[in-house]
């Protein structure tokens, strides 16, 4: 029953993640934290692996089908910056974990950071029509922005999440669906870097292999379904789904903060 629950969480999160471009980890991480099925470090690692499997499928599928909307002039520097940021974020998480023997405190810090990011994203999304956006094309600036996104992605164990979309909206004036695809591309690179870092530093937490298999299968299946749905709906529908999701995540993170601190 626990494995089935984990599969359903990963599948549902990846469907929504593929539609909105948030990777799914922003749902998987806090929901599994709320259920308390595994410890914080294990959930962060497995959530990252699930997100990587989903984004790998989406990126390869878009590339092979010739439907990719990722502009290499900005997309590649962003992705490379995100990879570097993924390594930094992983180091930050390891540092905070080592400083605090109480894993609940680490979970509370992650939940509080995710709450702040999600709340800021929700406010921006609601008022984005009134906000003047930029058209950044400088490769160095793109790398810097990518580093910032990669740090958040890896440290929070969410694979990228809603902050990616806000950054792509504001700094690159992308439409919702184009931003969603570029977000998955960025998440793909940051999660590869984070996974390689865990393997090289031998900081992979203990977990049952069958749990990872169920999560990865759920991630890929959800990514495939979400990609099909994304093609059939317009930007306004994606925005509505995204706003509803942000509200849900805010409440889940408030619950998690109370749970970890209490």
C-alpha atoms as a PDB file:
ATOM      1  CA  UNK A   1       0.000   0.000   0.000  1.00  0.00           C
ATOM      2  CA  UNK A   2       2.848   2.396   0.803  1.00  0.00           C
ATOM      3  CA  UNK A   3       4.516   1.754  -2.563  1.00  0.00           C
ATOM      4  CA  UNK A   4       1.196   2.290  -4.354  1.00  0.00           C
ATOM      5  CA  UNK A   5       0.707   5.572  -2.505  1.00  0.00           C
ATOM      6  CA  UNK A   6       4.238   6.703  -3.445  1.00  0.00           C
ATOM      7  CA  UNK A   7       3.628   5.754  -7.091  1.00  0.00           C
ATOM      8  CA  UNK A   8       0.347   7.682  -7.225  1.00  0.00           C
ATOM      9  CA  UNK A   9       1.946  10.758  -5.639  1.00  0.00           C
ATOM     10  CA  UNK A  10       4.837  10.704  -8.132  1.00  0.00           C
ATOM     11  CA  UNK A  11       2.572  10.031 -11.101  1.00  0.00           C
ATOM     12  CA  UNK A  12       0.100  12.801 -10.233  1.00  0.00           C
ATOM     13  CA  UNK A  13       2.874  15.267  -9.413  1.00  0.00           C
ATOM     14  CA  UNK A  14       4.688  14.521 -12.668  1.00  0.00           C
ATOM     15  CA  UNK A  15       1.515  14.958 -14.739  1.00  0.00           C
ATOM     16  CA  UNK A  16       1.002  18.418 -13.259  1.00  0.00           C
ATOM     17  CA  UNK A  17       4.735  19.104 -13.339  1.00  0.00           C
ATOM     18  CA  UNK A  18       4.974  18.349 -17.050  1.00  0.00           C
ATOM     19  CA  UNK A  19       1.942  20.514 -17.824  1.00  0.00           C
ATOM     20  CA  UNK A  20       3.135  23.519 -15.815  1.00  0.00           C
ATOM     21  CA  UNK A  21       6.893  23.061 -16.225  1.00  0.00           C
ATOM     22  CA  UNK A  22       7.634  22.786 -12.511  1.00  0.00           C
ATOM     23  CA  UNK A  23       9.162  19.314 -12.551  1.00  0.00           C
ATOM     24  CA  UNK A  24       6.870  17.667 -10.024  1.00  0.00           C
ATOM     25  CA  UNK A  25       9.350  17.737  -7.156  1.00  0.00           C
ATOM     26  CA  UNK A  26       7.654  20.793  -5.696  1.00  0.00           C
ATOM     27  CA  UNK A  27       4.682  18.493  -5.048  1.00  0.00           C
ATOM     28  CA  UNK A  28       6.463  15.194  -4.322  1.00  0.00           C
ATOM     29  CA  UNK A  29       8.835  16.600  -1.687  1.00  0.00           C
ATOM     30  CA  UNK A  30       6.320  18.358   0.614  1.00  0.00           C
ATOM     31  CA  UNK A  31       3.642  15.668   0.210  1.00  0.00           C
ATOM     32  CA  UNK A  32       6.036  12.850   1.174  1.00  0.00           C
ATOM     33  CA  UNK A  33       7.319  15.038   4.027  1.00  0.00           C
ATOM     34  CA  UNK A  34       3.725  15.416   5.220  1.00  0.00           C
ATOM     35  CA  UNK A  35       3.175  11.639   5.192  1.00  0.00           C
ATOM     36  CA  UNK A  36       6.480  11.069   7.002  1.00  0.00           C
ATOM     37  CA  UNK A  37       7.175   7.912   4.993  1.00  0.00           C
ATOM     38  CA  UNK A  38      10.970   8.511   4.869  1.00  0.00           C
ATOM     39  CA  UNK A  39      13.490  10.897   6.404  1.00  0.00           C
ATOM     40  CA  UNK A  40      14.147  14.329   4.879  1.00  0.00           C
ATOM     41  CA  UNK A  41      17.452  13.492   3.156  1.00  0.00           C
ATOM     42  CA  UNK A  42      16.057  10.329   1.535  1.00  0.00           C
ATOM     43  CA  UNK A  43      12.960  12.141   0.282  1.00  0.00           C
ATOM     44  CA  UNK A  44      15.102  14.940  -1.185  1.00  0.00           C
ATOM     45  CA  UNK A  45      17.313  12.445  -3.030  1.00  0.00           C
ATOM     46  CA  UNK A  46      14.502  10.241  -4.349  1.00  0.00           C
ATOM     47  CA  UNK A  47      12.403  13.262  -5.307  1.00  0.00           C
ATOM     48  CA  UNK A  48      15.366  14.583  -7.325  1.00  0.00           C
ATOM     49  CA  UNK A  49      15.774  11.206  -9.077  1.00  0.00           C
ATOM     50  CA  UNK A  50      12.067  11.125  -9.934  1.00  0.00           C
ATOM     51  CA  UNK A  51      12.169  14.645 -11.344  1.00  0.00           C
ATOM     52  CA  UNK A  52      15.277  13.777 -13.366  1.00  0.00           C
ATOM     53  CA  UNK A  53      13.540  10.760 -14.913  1.00  0.00           C
ATOM     54  CA  UNK A  54      10.499  12.844 -15.868  1.00  0.00           C
ATOM     55  CA  UNK A  55      12.486  15.738 -17.334  1.00  0.00           C
ATOM     56  CA  UNK A  56      14.797  13.351 -19.201  1.00  0.00           C
ATOM     57  CA  UNK A  57      11.765  11.836 -20.907  1.00  0.00           C
ATOM     58  CA  UNK A  58      10.264  15.248 -21.720  1.00  0.00           C
ATOM     59  CA  UNK A  59      13.499  16.799 -23.037  1.00  0.00           C
ATOM     60  CA  UNK A  60      14.383  13.805 -25.230  1.00  0.00           C
ATOM     61  CA  UNK A  61      10.812  13.487 -26.525  1.00  0.00           C
ATOM     62  CA  UNK A  62      10.644  17.187 -27.466  1.00  0.00           C
ATOM     63  CA  UNK A  63      14.039  17.028 -29.156  1.00  0.00           C
ATOM     64  CA  UNK A  64      13.253  13.887 -31.150  1.00  0.00           C
ATOM     65  CA  UNK A  65       9.841  15.153 -32.253  1.00  0.00           C
ATOM     66  CA  UNK A  66      11.275  18.471 -33.437  1.00  0.00           C
ATOM     67  CA  UNK A  67       8.833  20.362 -31.210  1.00  0.00           C
ATOM     68  CA  UNK A  68      11.415  21.913 -28.896  1.00  0.00           C
ATOM     69  CA  UNK A  69      10.968  25.631 -28.070  1.00  0.00           C
ATOM     70  CA  UNK A  70      14.269  25.912 -26.202  1.00  0.00           C
ATOM     71  CA  UNK A  71      16.463  28.647 -27.705  1.00  0.00           C
ATOM     72  CA  UNK A  72      20.052  27.476 -27.292  1.00  0.00           C
ATOM     73  CA  UNK A  73      21.340  31.064 -27.138  1.00  0.00           C
ATOM     74  CA  UNK A  74      19.700  31.511 -23.735  1.00  0.00           C
ATOM     75  CA  UNK A  75      18.650  27.965 -22.837  1.00  0.00           C
ATOM     76  CA  UNK A  76      22.134  26.409 -22.858  1.00  0.00           C
ATOM     77  CA  UNK A  77      23.804  29.070 -20.602  1.00  0.00           C
ATOM     78  CA  UNK A  78      20.821  28.830 -18.243  1.00  0.00           C
ATOM     79  CA  UNK A  79      21.114  25.038 -18.146  1.00  0.00           C
ATOM     80  CA  UNK A  80      24.895  25.101 -17.576  1.00  0.00           C
ATOM     81  CA  UNK A  81      24.454  27.667 -14.808  1.00  0.00           C
ATOM     82  CA  UNK A  82      21.749  25.475 -13.286  1.00  0.00           C
ATOM     83  CA  UNK A  83      24.125  22.501 -13.324  1.00  0.00           C
ATOM     84  CA  UNK A  84      26.725  24.512 -11.392  1.00  0.00           C
ATOM     85  CA  UNK A  85      24.009  25.780  -9.058  1.00  0.00           C
ATOM     86  CA  UNK A  86      22.834  22.212  -8.530  1.00  0.00           C
ATOM     87  CA  UNK A  87      26.268  21.315  -7.150  1.00  0.00           C
ATOM     88  CA  UNK A  88      26.291  24.363  -4.866  1.00  0.00           C
ATOM     89  CA  UNK A  89      22.770  23.641  -3.632  1.00  0.00           C
ATOM     90  CA  UNK A  90      23.719  20.045  -2.854  1.00  0.00           C
ATOM     91  CA  UNK A  91      26.708  21.275  -0.830  1.00  0.00           C
ATOM     92  CA  UNK A  92      24.496  23.738   1.065  1.00  0.00           C
ATOM     93  CA  UNK A  93      22.049  20.975   1.966  1.00  0.00           C
ATOM     94  CA  UNK A  94      24.864  18.696   3.140  1.00  0.00           C
ATOM     95  CA  UNK A  95      26.342  21.524   5.225  1.00  0.00           C
ATOM     96  CA  UNK A  96      23.058  22.355   6.953  1.00  0.00           C
ATOM     97  CA  UNK A  97      22.369  18.647   7.529  1.00  0.00           C
ATOM     98  CA  UNK A  98      25.793  18.195   9.137  1.00  0.00           C
ATOM     99  CA  UNK A  99      25.340  21.238  11.381  1.00  0.00           C
ATOM    100  CA  UNK A 100      22.024  19.992  12.728  1.00  0.00           C
ATOM    101  CA  UNK A 101      21.686  16.411  14.008  1.00  0.00           C
ATOM    102  CA  UNK A 102      17.920  16.996  14.199  1.00  0.00           C
ATOM    103  CA  UNK A 103      16.595  16.115  10.741  1.00  0.00           C
ATOM    104  CA  UNK A 104      13.267  17.737  11.598  1.00  0.00           C
ATOM    105  CA  UNK A 105      15.001  21.126  11.757  1.00  0.00           C
ATOM    106  CA  UNK A 106      16.443  20.569   8.279  1.00  0.00           C
ATOM    107  CA  UNK A 107      12.960  19.681   7.041  1.00  0.00           C
ATOM    108  CA  UNK A 108      11.545  22.812   8.663  1.00  0.00           C
ATOM    109  CA  UNK A 109      14.159  24.997   6.938  1.00  0.00           C
ATOM    110  CA  UNK A 110      13.375  23.418   3.564  1.00  0.00           C
ATOM    111  CA  UNK A 111       9.630  23.797   4.102  1.00  0.00           C
ATOM    112  CA  UNK A 112       9.993  27.452   5.155  1.00  0.00           C
ATOM    113  CA  UNK A 113      12.149  28.271   2.106  1.00  0.00           C
ATOM    114  CA  UNK A 114       9.729  26.481  -0.203  1.00  0.00           C
ATOM    115  CA  UNK A 115       6.796  28.313   1.393  1.00  0.00           C
ATOM    116  CA  UNK A 116       8.473  31.692   0.772  1.00  0.00           C
ATOM    117  CA  UNK A 117       9.327  30.791  -2.838  1.00  0.00           C
ATOM    118  CA  UNK A 118       5.828  29.476  -3.549  1.00  0.00           C
ATOM    119  CA  UNK A 119       4.093  32.468  -1.975  1.00  0.00           C
ATOM    120  CA  UNK A 120       6.244  34.882  -3.976  1.00  0.00           C
ATOM    121  CA  UNK A 121       5.548  32.909  -7.148  1.00  0.00           C
ATOM    122  CA  UNK A 122       1.795  32.968  -6.523  1.00  0.00           C
ATOM    123  CA  UNK A 123       1.760  36.743  -6.030  1.00  0.00           C
ATOM    124  CA  UNK A 124       3.822  37.301  -9.185  1.00  0.00           C
ATOM    125  CA  UNK A 125       1.654  34.965 -11.274  1.00  0.00           C
ATOM    126  CA  UNK A 126      -1.546  36.743 -10.217  1.00  0.00           C
ATOM    127  CA  UNK A 127      -0.152  40.179 -11.103  1.00  0.00           C
ATOM    128  CA  UNK A 128       2.198  39.254 -13.957  1.00  0.00           C
ATOM    129  CA  UNK A 129       0.024  40.963 -16.596  1.00  0.00           C
ATOM    130  CA  UNK A 130       0.818  44.309 -14.941  1.00  0.00           C
ATOM    131  CA  UNK A 131       4.557  43.677 -14.573  1.00  0.00           C
ATOM    132  CA  UNK A 132       6.968  44.890 -17.247  1.00  0.00           C
ATOM    133  CA  UNK A 133       9.320  42.084 -18.294  1.00  0.00           C
ATOM    134  CA  UNK A 134      12.879  41.966 -19.673  1.00  0.00           C
ATOM    135  CA  UNK A 135      14.556  40.361 -22.691  1.00  0.00           C
ATOM    136  CA  UNK A 136      17.924  39.200 -21.391  1.00  0.00           C
ATOM    137  CA  UNK A 137      20.254  37.570 -23.928  1.00  0.00           C
ATOM    138  CA  UNK A 138      23.700  38.118 -22.372  1.00  0.00           C
ATOM    139  CA  UNK A 139      25.245  34.643 -21.850  1.00  0.00           C
ATOM    140  CA  UNK A 140      26.984  35.646 -18.593  1.00  0.00           C
ATOM    141  CA  UNK A 141      23.719  36.973 -17.148  1.00  0.00           C
ATOM    142  CA  UNK A 142      21.971  33.768 -18.254  1.00  0.00           C
ATOM    143  CA  UNK A 143      24.584  31.644 -16.489  1.00  0.00           C
ATOM    144  CA  UNK A 144      24.178  33.699 -13.298  1.00  0.00           C
ATOM    145  CA  UNK A 145      20.408  33.286 -13.363  1.00  0.00           C
ATOM    146  CA  UNK A 146      20.855  29.559 -14.017  1.00  0.00           C
ATOM    147  CA  UNK A 147      23.169  29.217 -10.999  1.00  0.00           C
ATOM    148  CA  UNK A 148      20.519  30.811  -8.777  1.00  0.00           C
ATOM    149  CA  UNK A 149      17.815  28.454 -10.073  1.00  0.00           C
ATOM    150  CA  UNK A 150      20.082  25.420  -9.706  1.00  0.00           C
ATOM    151  CA  UNK A 151      20.890  26.248  -6.078  1.00  0.00           C
ATOM    152  CA  UNK A 152      17.202  26.493  -5.154  1.00  0.00           C
ATOM    153  CA  UNK A 153      16.384  23.365  -7.139  1.00  0.00           C
ATOM    154  CA  UNK A 154      18.978  21.175  -5.472  1.00  0.00           C
ATOM    155  CA  UNK A 155      18.826  22.611  -1.947  1.00  0.00           C
ATOM    156  CA  UNK A 156      15.058  22.301  -1.696  1.00  0.00           C
ATOM    157  CA  UNK A 157      15.012  18.880  -3.375  1.00  0.00           C
ATOM    158  CA  UNK A 158      12.200  19.995  -5.662  1.00  0.00           C
ATOM    159  CA  UNK A 159      13.947  19.876  -9.039  1.00  0.00           C
ATOM    160  CA  UNK A 160      13.266  23.520  -9.885  1.00  0.00           C
ATOM    161  CA  UNK A 161       9.702  24.241  -9.110  1.00  0.00           C
ATOM    162  CA  UNK A 162       7.644  27.386  -9.540  1.00  0.00           C
ATOM    163  CA  UNK A 163      10.529  29.848  -9.210  1.00  0.00           C
ATOM    164  CA  UNK A 164      11.786  28.731 -12.643  1.00  0.00           C
ATOM    165  CA  UNK A 165       8.634  29.963 -14.338  1.00  0.00           C
ATOM    166  CA  UNK A 166       8.673  33.346 -12.605  1.00  0.00           C
ATOM    167  CA  UNK A 167      12.304  33.899 -13.610  1.00  0.00           C
ATOM    168  CA  UNK A 168      11.631  32.873 -17.217  1.00  0.00           C
ATOM    169  CA  UNK A 169       8.522  35.085 -17.362  1.00  0.00           C
ATOM    170  CA  UNK A 170      10.285  38.146 -15.942  1.00  0.00           C
ATOM    171  CA  UNK A 171      13.816  37.995 -17.365  1.00  0.00           C
ATOM    172  CA  UNK A 172      13.038  36.434 -20.763  1.00  0.00           C
ATOM    173  CA  UNK A 173       9.407  37.441 -21.461  1.00  0.00           C
ATOM    174  CA  UNK A 174       8.435  33.855 -22.296  1.00  0.00           C
ATOM    175  CA  UNK A 175       4.834  32.723 -22.707  1.00  0.00           C
ATOM    176  CA  UNK A 176       3.515  30.189 -20.195  1.00  0.00           C
ATOM    177  CA  UNK A 177       3.951  27.039 -22.289  1.00  0.00           C
ATOM    178  CA  UNK A 178       7.352  28.053 -23.700  1.00  0.00           C
ATOM    179  CA  UNK A 179       8.524  28.854 -20.154  1.00  0.00           C
ATOM    180  CA  UNK A 180       7.262  25.430 -19.012  1.00  0.00           C
ATOM    181  CA  UNK A 181       9.393  23.638 -21.592  1.00  0.00           C
ATOM    182  CA  UNK A 182      12.486  25.736 -20.877  1.00  0.00           C
ATOM    183  CA  UNK A 183      11.971  25.136 -17.151  1.00  0.00           C
ATOM    184  CA  UNK A 184      12.052  21.359 -17.647  1.00  0.00           C
ATOM    185  CA  UNK A 185      15.232  21.756 -19.730  1.00  0.00           C
ATOM    186  CA  UNK A 186      16.909  23.687 -16.891  1.00  0.00           C
ATOM    187  CA  UNK A 187      15.707  21.199 -14.268  1.00  0.00           C
ATOM    188  CA  UNK A 188      17.139  18.338 -16.357  1.00  0.00           C
ATOM    189  CA  UNK A 189      20.670  19.777 -16.133  1.00  0.00           C
ATOM    190  CA  UNK A 190      20.507  20.805 -12.476  1.00  0.00           C
ATOM    191  CA  UNK A 191      19.284  17.384 -11.386  1.00  0.00           C
ATOM    192  CA  UNK A 192      21.959  15.540 -13.368  1.00  0.00           C
ATOM    193  CA  UNK A 193      24.599  17.638 -11.592  1.00  0.00           C
ATOM    194  CA  UNK A 194      22.982  17.024  -8.209  1.00  0.00           C
ATOM    195  CA  UNK A 195      22.792  13.242  -8.769  1.00  0.00           C
ATOM    196  CA  UNK A 196      26.414  13.021  -9.967  1.00  0.00           C
ATOM    197  CA  UNK A 197      27.491  15.004  -6.905  1.00  0.00           C
ATOM    198  CA  UNK A 198      25.732  12.538  -4.602  1.00  0.00           C
ATOM    199  CA  UNK A 199      27.375   9.581  -6.358  1.00  0.00           C
ATOM    200  CA  UNK A 200      30.881  11.094  -6.386  1.00  0.00           C
ATOM    201  CA  UNK A 201      30.772  12.211  -2.748  1.00  0.00           C
ATOM    202  CA  UNK A 202      29.108   8.936  -1.716  1.00  0.00           C
ATOM    203  CA  UNK A 203      26.328  10.842   0.033  1.00  0.00           C
ATOM    204  CA  UNK A 204      23.482   8.743  -1.344  1.00  0.00           C
ATOM    205  CA  UNK A 205      21.105   7.972   1.563  1.00  0.00           C
ATOM    206  CA  UNK A 206      19.932   4.452   2.349  1.00  0.00           C
ATOM    207  CA  UNK A 207      16.690   3.457   0.663  1.00  0.00           C
ATOM    208  CA  UNK A 208      14.932   0.429  -0.785  1.00  0.00           C
ATOM    209  CA  UNK A 209      15.565   0.047  -4.530  1.00  0.00           C
ATOM    210  CA  UNK A 210      11.930  -0.911  -5.145  1.00  0.00           C
ATOM    211  CA  UNK A 211      10.886   2.510  -3.787  1.00  0.00           C
ATOM    212  CA  UNK A 212      13.087   4.289  -6.349  1.00  0.00           C
ATOM    213  CA  UNK A 213      11.731   2.059  -9.144  1.00  0.00           C
ATOM    214  CA  UNK A 214       8.102   2.905  -8.271  1.00  0.00           C
ATOM    215  CA  UNK A 215       8.925   6.627  -8.068  1.00  0.00           C
ATOM    216  CA  UNK A 216      10.841   6.719 -11.360  1.00  0.00           C
ATOM    217  CA  UNK A 217       8.174   4.745 -13.216  1.00  0.00           C
ATOM    218  CA  UNK A 218       5.535   7.085 -11.798  1.00  0.00           C
ATOM    219  CA  UNK A 219       7.638  10.078 -12.860  1.00  0.00           C
ATOM    220  CA  UNK A 220       8.105   8.919 -16.453  1.00  0.00           C
ATOM    221  CA  UNK A 221       4.466   7.821 -16.849  1.00  0.00           C
ATOM    222  CA  UNK A 222       3.260  11.111 -15.393  1.00  0.00           C
ATOM    223  CA  UNK A 223       5.610  13.080 -17.631  1.00  0.00           C
ATOM    224  CA  UNK A 224       4.269  11.287 -20.719  1.00  0.00           C
ATOM    225  CA  UNK A 225       0.638  11.997 -19.773  1.00  0.00           C
ATOM    226  CA  UNK A 226       1.370  15.587 -18.785  1.00  0.00           C
ATOM    227  CA  UNK A 227       3.117  16.278 -22.074  1.00  0.00           C
ATOM    228  CA  UNK A 228       0.029  15.121 -24.012  1.00  0.00           C
ATOM    229  CA  UNK A 229      -2.310  17.236 -21.886  1.00  0.00           C
ATOM    230  CA  UNK A 230      -0.052  20.291 -22.267  1.00  0.00           C
ATOM    231  CA  UNK A 231      -0.494  20.164 -26.051  1.00  0.00           C
ATOM    232  CA  UNK A 232      -4.293  20.225 -25.779  1.00  0.00           C
ATOM    233  CA  UNK A 233      -4.792  23.182 -23.427  1.00  0.00           C
ATOM    234  CA  UNK A 234      -4.048  26.892 -23.753  1.00  0.00           C
ATOM    235  CA  UNK A 235      -1.857  29.217 -21.674  1.00  0.00           C
ATOM    236  CA  UNK A 236      -4.776  30.515 -19.589  1.00  0.00           C
ATOM    237  CA  UNK A 237      -5.728  27.005 -18.480  1.00  0.00           C
ATOM    238  CA  UNK A 238      -2.099  26.270 -17.558  1.00  0.00           C
ATOM    239  CA  UNK A 239      -2.003  29.508 -15.517  1.00  0.00           C
ATOM    240  CA  UNK A 240      -5.195  28.557 -13.621  1.00  0.00           C
ATOM    241  CA  UNK A 241      -3.847  25.080 -12.855  1.00  0.00           C
ATOM    242  CA  UNK A 242      -0.547  26.616 -11.754  1.00  0.00           C
ATOM    243  CA  UNK A 243      -2.223  29.107  -9.379  1.00  0.00           C
ATOM    244  CA  UNK A 244      -4.393  26.383  -7.838  1.00  0.00           C
ATOM    245  CA  UNK A 245      -1.332  24.223  -7.346  1.00  0.00           C
ATOM    246  CA  UNK A 246       0.588  27.043  -5.644  1.00  0.00           C
ATOM    247  CA  UNK A 247      -2.231  27.541  -3.137  1.00  0.00           C
ATOM    248  CA  UNK A 248      -2.241  23.813  -2.335  1.00  0.00           C
ATOM    249  CA  UNK A 249       1.550  23.717  -1.894  1.00  0.00           C
ATOM    250  CA  UNK A 250       1.448  26.749   0.429  1.00  0.00           C
ATOM    251  CA  UNK A 251      -0.954  24.962   2.789  1.00  0.00           C
ATOM    252  CA  UNK A 252       1.068  21.720   2.657  1.00  0.00           C
ATOM    253  CA  UNK A 253       4.257  23.596   3.571  1.00  0.00           C
ATOM    254  CA  UNK A 254       2.553  25.403   6.453  1.00  0.00           C
ATOM    255  CA  UNK A 255       1.477  21.980   7.744  1.00  0.00           C
ATOM    256  CA  UNK A 256       5.017  20.628   7.333  1.00  0.00           C
ATOM    257  CA  UNK A 257       6.596  23.552   9.206  1.00  0.00           C
ATOM    258  CA  UNK A 258       4.223  23.005  12.127  1.00  0.00           C
ATOM    259  CA  UNK A 259       4.884  19.256  12.002  1.00  0.00           C
ATOM    260  CA  UNK A 260       8.689  19.560  11.941  1.00  0.00           C
ATOM    261  CA  UNK A 261       8.890  22.281  14.587  1.00  0.00           C
ATOM    262  CA  UNK A 262       6.270  20.789  16.882  1.00  0.00           C
END
